[in-house]
Amino acid sequence: MEITERNRKAGCSGSDENAAALTAITQRLNDLGAYLQYAVGDPRQLPYDVHWVEETDFAHLDKPSQQHLIAQLERSEFGSSPKACSAALLLRYGWSAGFLIGAWMTSGIVVQNARQSLGFNRSHVLLSGVCIQGCEGFLTPRTSSVEVRRERLLDELACHARAAVEAHHRWSGFSRKALWAMVTSSWAAQFATVGEKLGRPELALSEAAELLALDPDTSASQPELYIVQADGRNGICQKRKLCCLWHKSPQGGFCSSCPILPEHERLTRNHDWVRQYGIRSDCLPLELLRASSRRTDEPRRTSGISQTSAR
C-alpha cells in the first residue's frame, strides 16, 4: 500500500485518498482474522449491534459511557472492587491498540492521531470492534526511519492510555504500575495475535520488546513473553507483570497469564491453550522452531518480555 507524502500531510479528515488508505489497513486486518473487527467512518452508521464509546472517554470516568461500563463490570464480575474494575476495563481498553499495532506490523505505517470509537458487546464488557473515524496523517517507511516511526508509534499508543491510567489511579487507588501492566499486557497480546496471523511470531516478540522498552512506564510494566510448544503447535504466551485481581471477584479464578500462579501451573495452562489453538509447527520458521524446541517448563525468554495476552 502506497501513501504519498501529499496524502500524508493532508490528513484523513476530508481526504478520500487517506480514508481509502485507512480502509485498506482495516481490510487487511479483518482478512487476517485478528479477533477484533475494524471499520472506517461514522460508527453510528455501521450495522453493528454494539455499544460505541469514544476512546477519549476513558480518561474521564464521570462520562456516562464510563459509568455504564463500570456499572456493568460491578454487576457481572467484580462487585464493589474498584481496583479490579479498573484492571478489567484497562485490559479491555488495551485491546483497542490493535489497529495501530496492526498497521505497524503489516505495513510499517504509523497512523497519527487516529480518532477511534470502541465497540463493546451490549451484554458483556467485551471489546468486539474498533471504528476509525479519521486521523491527521501517516508516517511511512518512505518518510521516516524505523527508529523514528517506532518511537512515534509508542507516543500514539501511550497518548490516550496515559490519561486513562491516571484517571483510574485516582478513582480506584490501584497503582500506576499495576494499571500500566494491564495496558501493556493487552498491547503485547495484539503484537502476538497479528504476528501469529502473519506467520511471523518472531517478529511479534522482537517488535513488542523494542517498543515497550522505549518508555519507563511501559518498560517497568511489560509482560514476560515466551513461546510454548505443545503437540506440534506453537503459541506466544505471557506472564503478566502484575495481577489483574480477577481471583478476588465473586467468580474467582486465575488468568493463565497470572504472575501469582506457580510457574508449573501457569505453563500447564499455556500448554493446554497452545495444544488447542496454537500454530502448527510446520508453519513456523526453522530458526524459531529450534529456539522453542525445549521443555515447556523452560520457556524461551526474549528481552525480559513474555508472550500473549491472557493465554
Protein backbone atom coordinates (compact mmCIF):
# COMPACT_ATOMS: atom_id res chain seq x y z
CA MET A 1 0.00 0.00 0.00
CA GLU A 2 1.48 3.33 -1.08
CA ILE A 3 0.73 6.54 0.80
CA THR A 4 2.20 9.61 -0.82
CA GLU A 5 3.81 12.49 1.02
CA ARG A 6 1.00 14.75 -0.19
CA ASN A 7 -1.62 12.41 1.27
CA ARG A 8 0.31 12.03 4.48
CA LYS A 9 0.24 15.78 5.05
CA ALA A 10 -3.37 16.16 4.00
CA GLY A 11 -4.73 14.24 6.97
CA CYS A 12 -7.71 11.90 6.94
CA SER A 13 -10.49 14.40 7.52
CA GLY A 14 -11.96 15.27 4.16
CA SER A 15 -9.34 13.24 2.27
CA ASP A 16 -10.82 10.42 0.22
CA GLU A 17 -7.36 9.04 -0.51
CA ASN A 18 -6.41 8.87 3.15
CA ALA A 19 -9.75 7.37 4.03
CA ALA A 20 -9.01 4.77 1.38
CA ALA A 21 -5.63 4.09 3.00
CA LEU A 22 -7.31 3.57 6.37
CA THR A 23 -9.85 1.28 4.76
CA ALA A 24 -7.05 -0.75 3.20
CA ILE A 25 -5.45 -1.22 6.62
CA THR A 26 -8.73 -2.28 8.22
CA GLN A 27 -9.43 -4.68 5.37
CA ARG A 28 -6.00 -6.27 5.76
CA LEU A 29 -6.52 -6.76 9.49
CA ASN A 30 -10.04 -8.11 9.04
CA ASP A 31 -8.77 -10.53 6.40
CA LEU A 32 -6.15 -11.77 8.87
CA GLY A 33 -8.91 -12.65 11.29
CA ALA A 34 -7.16 -10.83 14.13
CA TYR A 35 -10.02 -11.21 16.65
CA LEU A 36 -11.41 -7.66 16.54
CA GLN A 37 -13.43 -6.21 13.67
CA TYR A 38 -12.20 -2.90 12.24
CA ALA A 39 -14.10 -0.30 10.23
CA VAL A 40 -13.67 3.27 8.99
CA GLY A 41 -16.25 6.05 9.19
CA ASP A 42 -19.08 7.12 11.45
CA PRO A 43 -19.74 4.31 13.96
CA ARG A 44 -23.39 5.32 14.24
CA GLN A 45 -23.89 4.27 10.63
CA LEU A 46 -22.29 0.87 10.94
CA PRO A 47 -24.51 -2.24 11.08
CA TYR A 48 -23.04 -3.48 14.36
CA ASP A 49 -25.14 -4.00 17.46
CA VAL A 50 -22.54 -2.78 19.93
CA HIS A 51 -22.18 -0.01 22.47
CA TRP A 52 -19.85 2.59 20.91
CA VAL A 53 -17.54 4.53 23.24
CA GLU A 54 -15.16 7.31 22.22
CA GLU A 55 -11.56 6.43 23.08
CA THR A 56 -11.07 9.81 24.79
CA ASP A 57 -13.86 8.96 27.25
CA PHE A 58 -11.58 6.53 29.08
CA ALA A 59 -9.73 9.48 30.63
CA HIS A 60 -12.97 10.87 32.08
CA LEU A 61 -14.67 8.39 34.39
CA ASP A 62 -17.57 10.77 35.03
CA LYS A 63 -18.66 10.32 31.39
CA PRO A 64 -21.92 8.32 31.02
CA SER A 65 -20.14 5.77 28.83
CA GLN A 66 -17.58 5.03 31.55
CA GLN A 67 -20.16 4.93 34.30
CA HIS A 68 -22.11 2.43 32.20
CA LEU A 69 -19.09 0.16 31.64
CA ILE A 70 -18.04 0.27 35.29
CA ALA A 71 -21.58 -0.49 36.44
CA GLN A 72 -21.69 -3.47 34.07
CA LEU A 73 -18.42 -4.81 35.47
CA GLU A 74 -19.64 -4.36 39.03
CA ARG A 75 -22.85 -6.25 38.29
CA SER A 76 -21.38 -9.06 36.22
CA GLU A 77 -17.94 -9.77 37.59
CA PHE A 78 -16.28 -7.67 40.26
CA GLY A 79 -18.86 -6.44 42.72
CA SER A 80 -17.67 -3.43 44.66
CA SER A 81 -13.91 -3.76 44.00
CA PRO A 82 -12.81 -0.54 42.25
CA LYS A 83 -9.27 -1.84 41.71
CA ALA A 84 -10.50 -4.99 39.99
CA CYS A 85 -12.90 -2.95 37.84
CA SER A 86 -10.11 -0.60 36.81
CA ALA A 87 -7.85 -3.51 35.92
CA ALA A 88 -10.57 -5.22 33.91
CA LEU A 89 -11.52 -2.10 31.99
CA LEU A 90 -7.93 -1.19 31.12
CA LEU A 91 -7.24 -4.72 29.92
CA ARG A 92 -10.18 -4.37 27.56
CA TYR A 93 -9.19 -0.83 26.60
CA GLY A 94 -5.68 -2.03 25.75
CA TRP A 95 -7.06 -4.29 23.03
CA SER A 96 -8.16 -1.19 21.10
CA ALA A 97 -4.49 -0.66 20.21
CA GLY A 98 -4.90 -3.47 17.69
CA PHE A 99 -5.46 -1.10 14.77
CA LEU A 100 -2.29 0.95 15.36
CA ILE A 101 -0.24 -2.17 16.10
CA GLY A 102 -1.72 -3.97 13.12
CA ALA A 103 -0.87 -1.10 10.75
CA TRP A 104 2.69 -1.19 12.07
CA MET A 105 3.10 -4.96 11.88
CA THR A 106 1.60 -5.36 8.42
CA SER A 107 2.96 -2.26 6.66
CA GLY A 108 5.41 -0.40 8.89
CA ILE A 109 2.96 2.52 8.93
CA VAL A 110 2.21 4.75 11.92
CA VAL A 111 -1.27 6.26 11.87
CA GLN A 112 -1.04 9.65 13.55
CA ASN A 113 -3.69 10.98 15.94
CA ALA A 114 -6.26 8.39 14.98
CA ARG A 115 -9.76 9.10 16.28
CA GLN A 116 -11.21 5.80 17.42
CA SER A 117 -14.54 4.60 18.74
CA LEU A 118 -14.57 1.33 20.64
CA GLY A 119 -17.43 -1.11 20.21
CA PHE A 120 -18.37 -3.09 23.33
CA ASN A 121 -20.72 -6.03 23.49
CA ARG A 122 -24.02 -4.81 24.91
CA SER A 123 -24.46 -7.67 27.37
CA HIS A 124 -20.83 -8.12 28.43
CA VAL A 125 -17.95 -5.68 28.77
CA LEU A 126 -16.01 -7.22 25.91
CA LEU A 127 -14.40 -5.20 23.14
CA SER A 128 -15.54 -6.56 19.79
CA GLY A 129 -14.67 -3.84 17.29
CA VAL A 130 -12.90 -0.56 16.61
CA CYS A 131 -14.09 2.17 14.25
CA ILE A 132 -11.53 4.67 12.98
CA GLN A 133 -13.22 7.99 12.27
CA GLY A 134 -10.13 9.70 10.89
CA CYS A 135 -6.54 10.72 11.58
CA GLU A 136 -4.09 13.52 10.96
CA GLY A 137 -1.67 11.66 8.74
CA PHE A 138 0.81 8.83 8.43
CA LEU A 139 4.46 8.05 8.90
CA THR A 140 5.65 5.52 6.34
CA PRO A 141 8.91 3.72 5.52
CA ARG A 142 9.40 6.26 2.72
CA THR A 143 9.14 9.29 5.00
CA SER A 144 10.83 8.26 8.27
CA SER A 145 13.37 5.85 9.69
CA VAL A 146 12.21 2.76 11.55
CA GLU A 147 13.50 4.23 14.82
CA VAL A 148 11.53 7.45 14.37
CA ARG A 149 8.41 5.54 13.40
CA ARG A 150 8.68 3.13 16.33
CA GLU A 151 9.03 5.97 18.82
CA ARG A 152 6.06 7.74 17.26
CA LEU A 153 4.01 4.55 17.46
CA LEU A 154 4.63 4.35 21.19
CA ASP A 155 3.67 8.02 21.54
CA GLU A 156 0.42 7.32 19.70
CA LEU A 157 -0.34 4.28 21.84
CA ALA A 158 0.54 5.98 25.11
CA CYS A 159 -1.24 9.28 24.42
CA HIS A 160 -4.73 8.19 25.50
CA ALA A 161 -3.51 5.27 27.62
CA ARG A 162 -1.55 7.55 29.95
CA ALA A 163 -4.62 9.68 30.62
CA ALA A 164 -6.74 6.57 31.22
CA VAL A 165 -4.19 5.15 33.66
CA GLU A 166 -4.15 8.41 35.61
CA ALA A 167 -7.94 8.59 35.74
CA HIS A 168 -8.25 5.04 37.05
CA HIS A 169 -5.41 5.52 39.51
CA ARG A 170 -7.27 8.45 41.03
CA TRP A 171 -10.61 6.64 41.04
CA SER A 172 -9.66 3.17 42.28
CA GLY A 173 -6.35 3.72 44.05
CA PHE A 174 -4.75 0.90 42.06
CA SER A 175 -1.08 1.64 41.45
CA ARG A 176 0.01 3.19 38.18
CA LYS A 177 2.42 0.32 37.58
CA ALA A 178 -0.38 -2.23 38.00
CA LEU A 179 -2.65 -0.32 35.64
CA TRP A 180 0.12 0.02 33.08
CA ALA A 181 0.66 -3.73 33.42
CA MET A 182 -2.91 -4.26 32.22
CA VAL A 183 -2.42 -1.96 29.23
CA THR A 184 0.93 -3.41 28.16
CA SER A 185 -0.39 -6.95 28.59
CA SER A 186 -3.10 -6.23 26.03
CA TRP A 187 -0.69 -4.42 23.71
CA ALA A 188 1.61 -7.45 23.81
CA ALA A 189 -1.37 -9.66 23.04
CA GLN A 190 -2.08 -7.60 19.94
CA PHE A 191 1.52 -7.93 18.76
CA ALA A 192 1.24 -11.66 19.37
CA THR A 193 -2.07 -12.04 17.56
CA VAL A 194 -1.03 -10.13 14.45
CA GLY A 195 2.41 -11.74 14.37
CA GLU A 196 0.93 -15.22 14.57
CA LYS A 197 -1.65 -14.44 11.88
CA LEU A 198 1.16 -13.22 9.63
CA GLY A 199 3.10 -16.41 10.32
CA ARG A 200 5.85 -14.33 11.94
CA PRO A 201 5.69 -14.83 15.71
CA GLU A 202 9.39 -13.98 15.99
CA LEU A 203 8.59 -10.52 14.62
CA ALA A 204 5.91 -10.10 17.28
CA LEU A 205 8.40 -10.94 20.02
CA SER A 206 11.06 -8.53 18.81
CA GLU A 207 8.69 -5.65 18.00
CA ALA A 208 6.87 -5.84 21.33
CA ALA A 209 10.19 -5.95 23.17
CA GLU A 210 11.69 -2.99 21.30
CA LEU A 211 8.59 -0.83 21.56
CA LEU A 212 7.83 -1.38 25.24
CA ALA A 213 11.46 -0.77 26.20
CA LEU A 214 11.28 2.82 24.92
CA ASP A 215 9.32 4.31 27.84
CA PRO A 216 9.95 3.92 31.60
CA ASP A 217 6.28 3.22 32.36
CA THR A 218 5.83 0.57 29.69
CA SER A 219 9.26 -0.94 30.29
CA ALA A 220 8.63 -1.40 34.01
CA SER A 221 5.20 -2.94 33.49
CA GLN A 222 5.63 -5.07 30.37
CA PRO A 223 4.70 -8.75 30.50
CA GLU A 224 7.19 -11.54 30.03
CA LEU A 225 6.67 -13.08 26.59
CA TYR A 226 7.67 -16.60 25.62
CA ILE A 227 6.89 -19.32 23.12
CA VAL A 228 5.26 -22.56 24.24
CA GLN A 229 5.32 -25.74 22.15
CA ALA A 230 2.70 -28.47 22.54
CA ASP A 231 1.84 -31.44 20.33
CA GLY A 232 3.30 -29.98 17.17
CA ARG A 233 1.90 -26.50 17.73
CA ASN A 234 3.49 -23.27 18.91
CA GLY A 235 1.97 -20.22 20.58
CA ILE A 236 3.03 -16.94 22.12
CA CYS A 237 2.11 -16.78 25.80
CA GLN A 238 2.77 -14.30 28.58
CA LYS A 239 3.25 -13.82 32.26
CA ARG A 240 1.67 -10.51 33.19
CA LYS A 241 3.82 -8.19 35.28
CA LEU A 242 1.17 -7.71 38.00
CA CYS A 243 -2.13 -9.40 38.84
CA CYS A 244 -5.46 -8.17 37.44
CA LEU A 245 -7.27 -9.23 40.66
CA TRP A 246 -9.81 -11.41 38.85
CA HIS A 247 -9.31 -14.06 41.53
CA LYS A 248 -10.89 -11.64 44.02
CA SER A 249 -14.12 -11.40 42.05
CA PRO A 250 -17.21 -13.36 43.13
CA GLN A 251 -16.49 -15.77 40.26
CA GLY A 252 -12.92 -16.31 41.40
CA GLY A 253 -10.22 -17.92 39.26
CA PHE A 254 -6.83 -17.04 37.84
CA CYS A 255 -5.85 -15.98 34.33
CA SER A 256 -3.41 -18.26 32.54
CA SER A 257 -1.05 -15.26 32.42
CA CYS A 258 -1.30 -14.56 36.15
CA PRO A 259 2.00 -13.86 37.90
CA ILE A 260 0.58 -15.28 41.15
CA LEU A 261 0.19 -18.78 39.72
CA PRO A 262 3.04 -21.20 40.34
CA GLU A 263 5.22 -21.45 37.24
CA HIS A 264 4.30 -25.05 36.53
CA GLU A 265 0.55 -24.41 36.74
CA ARG A 266 0.72 -21.35 34.51
CA LEU A 267 2.78 -23.19 31.90
CA THR A 268 0.40 -26.15 32.05
CA ARG A 269 -2.46 -23.80 31.23
CA ASN A 270 -0.41 -22.24 28.43
CA HIS A 271 0.37 -25.74 27.16
CA ASP A 272 -3.33 -26.66 27.06
CA TRP A 273 -4.20 -23.45 25.23
CA VAL A 274 -1.46 -23.93 22.61
CA ARG A 275 -2.44 -27.57 22.05
CA GLN A 276 -5.91 -26.39 21.06
CA TYR A 277 -5.30 -23.01 19.38
CA GLY A 278 -1.59 -22.73 18.57
CA ILE A 279 0.04 -22.52 15.14
CA ARG A 280 1.19 -25.77 13.58
CA SER A 281 4.94 -26.15 13.80
CA ASP A 282 5.26 -26.69 10.04
CA CYS A 283 4.06 -23.08 9.60
CA LEU A 284 6.91 -21.60 11.64
CA PRO A 285 10.45 -20.63 10.53
CA LEU A 286 13.09 -23.29 11.23
CA GLU A 287 15.16 -20.89 13.33
CA LEU A 288 12.19 -20.21 15.61
CA LEU A 289 11.43 -23.91 15.95
CA ARG A 290 14.99 -24.56 17.10
CA ALA A 291 14.72 -21.76 19.65
CA SER A 292 11.43 -23.06 21.02
CA SER A 293 12.17 -26.80 20.94
CA ARG A 294 12.82 -27.10 24.63
CA ARG A 295 10.79 -28.39 27.53
CA THR A 296 7.57 -26.50 28.25
CA ASP A 297 8.76 -25.70 31.77
CA GLU A 298 11.74 -23.84 30.29
CA PRO A 299 10.11 -21.10 28.21
CA ARG A 300 12.12 -19.08 25.77
CA ARG A 301 12.58 -15.56 27.12
CA THR A 302 13.16 -12.55 24.95
CA SER A 303 14.35 -9.16 26.22
CA GLY A 304 12.62 -9.57 29.57
CA ILE A 305 9.24 -9.97 27.92
CA SER A 306 6.84 -12.88 27.59
CA GLN A 307 4.21 -13.56 25.01
CA THR A 308 0.41 -13.40 24.77
CA SER A 309 -2.49 -11.68 26.34
CA ALA A 310 -4.39 -13.82 28.73
CA ARG A 311 -3.36 -17.16 27.33
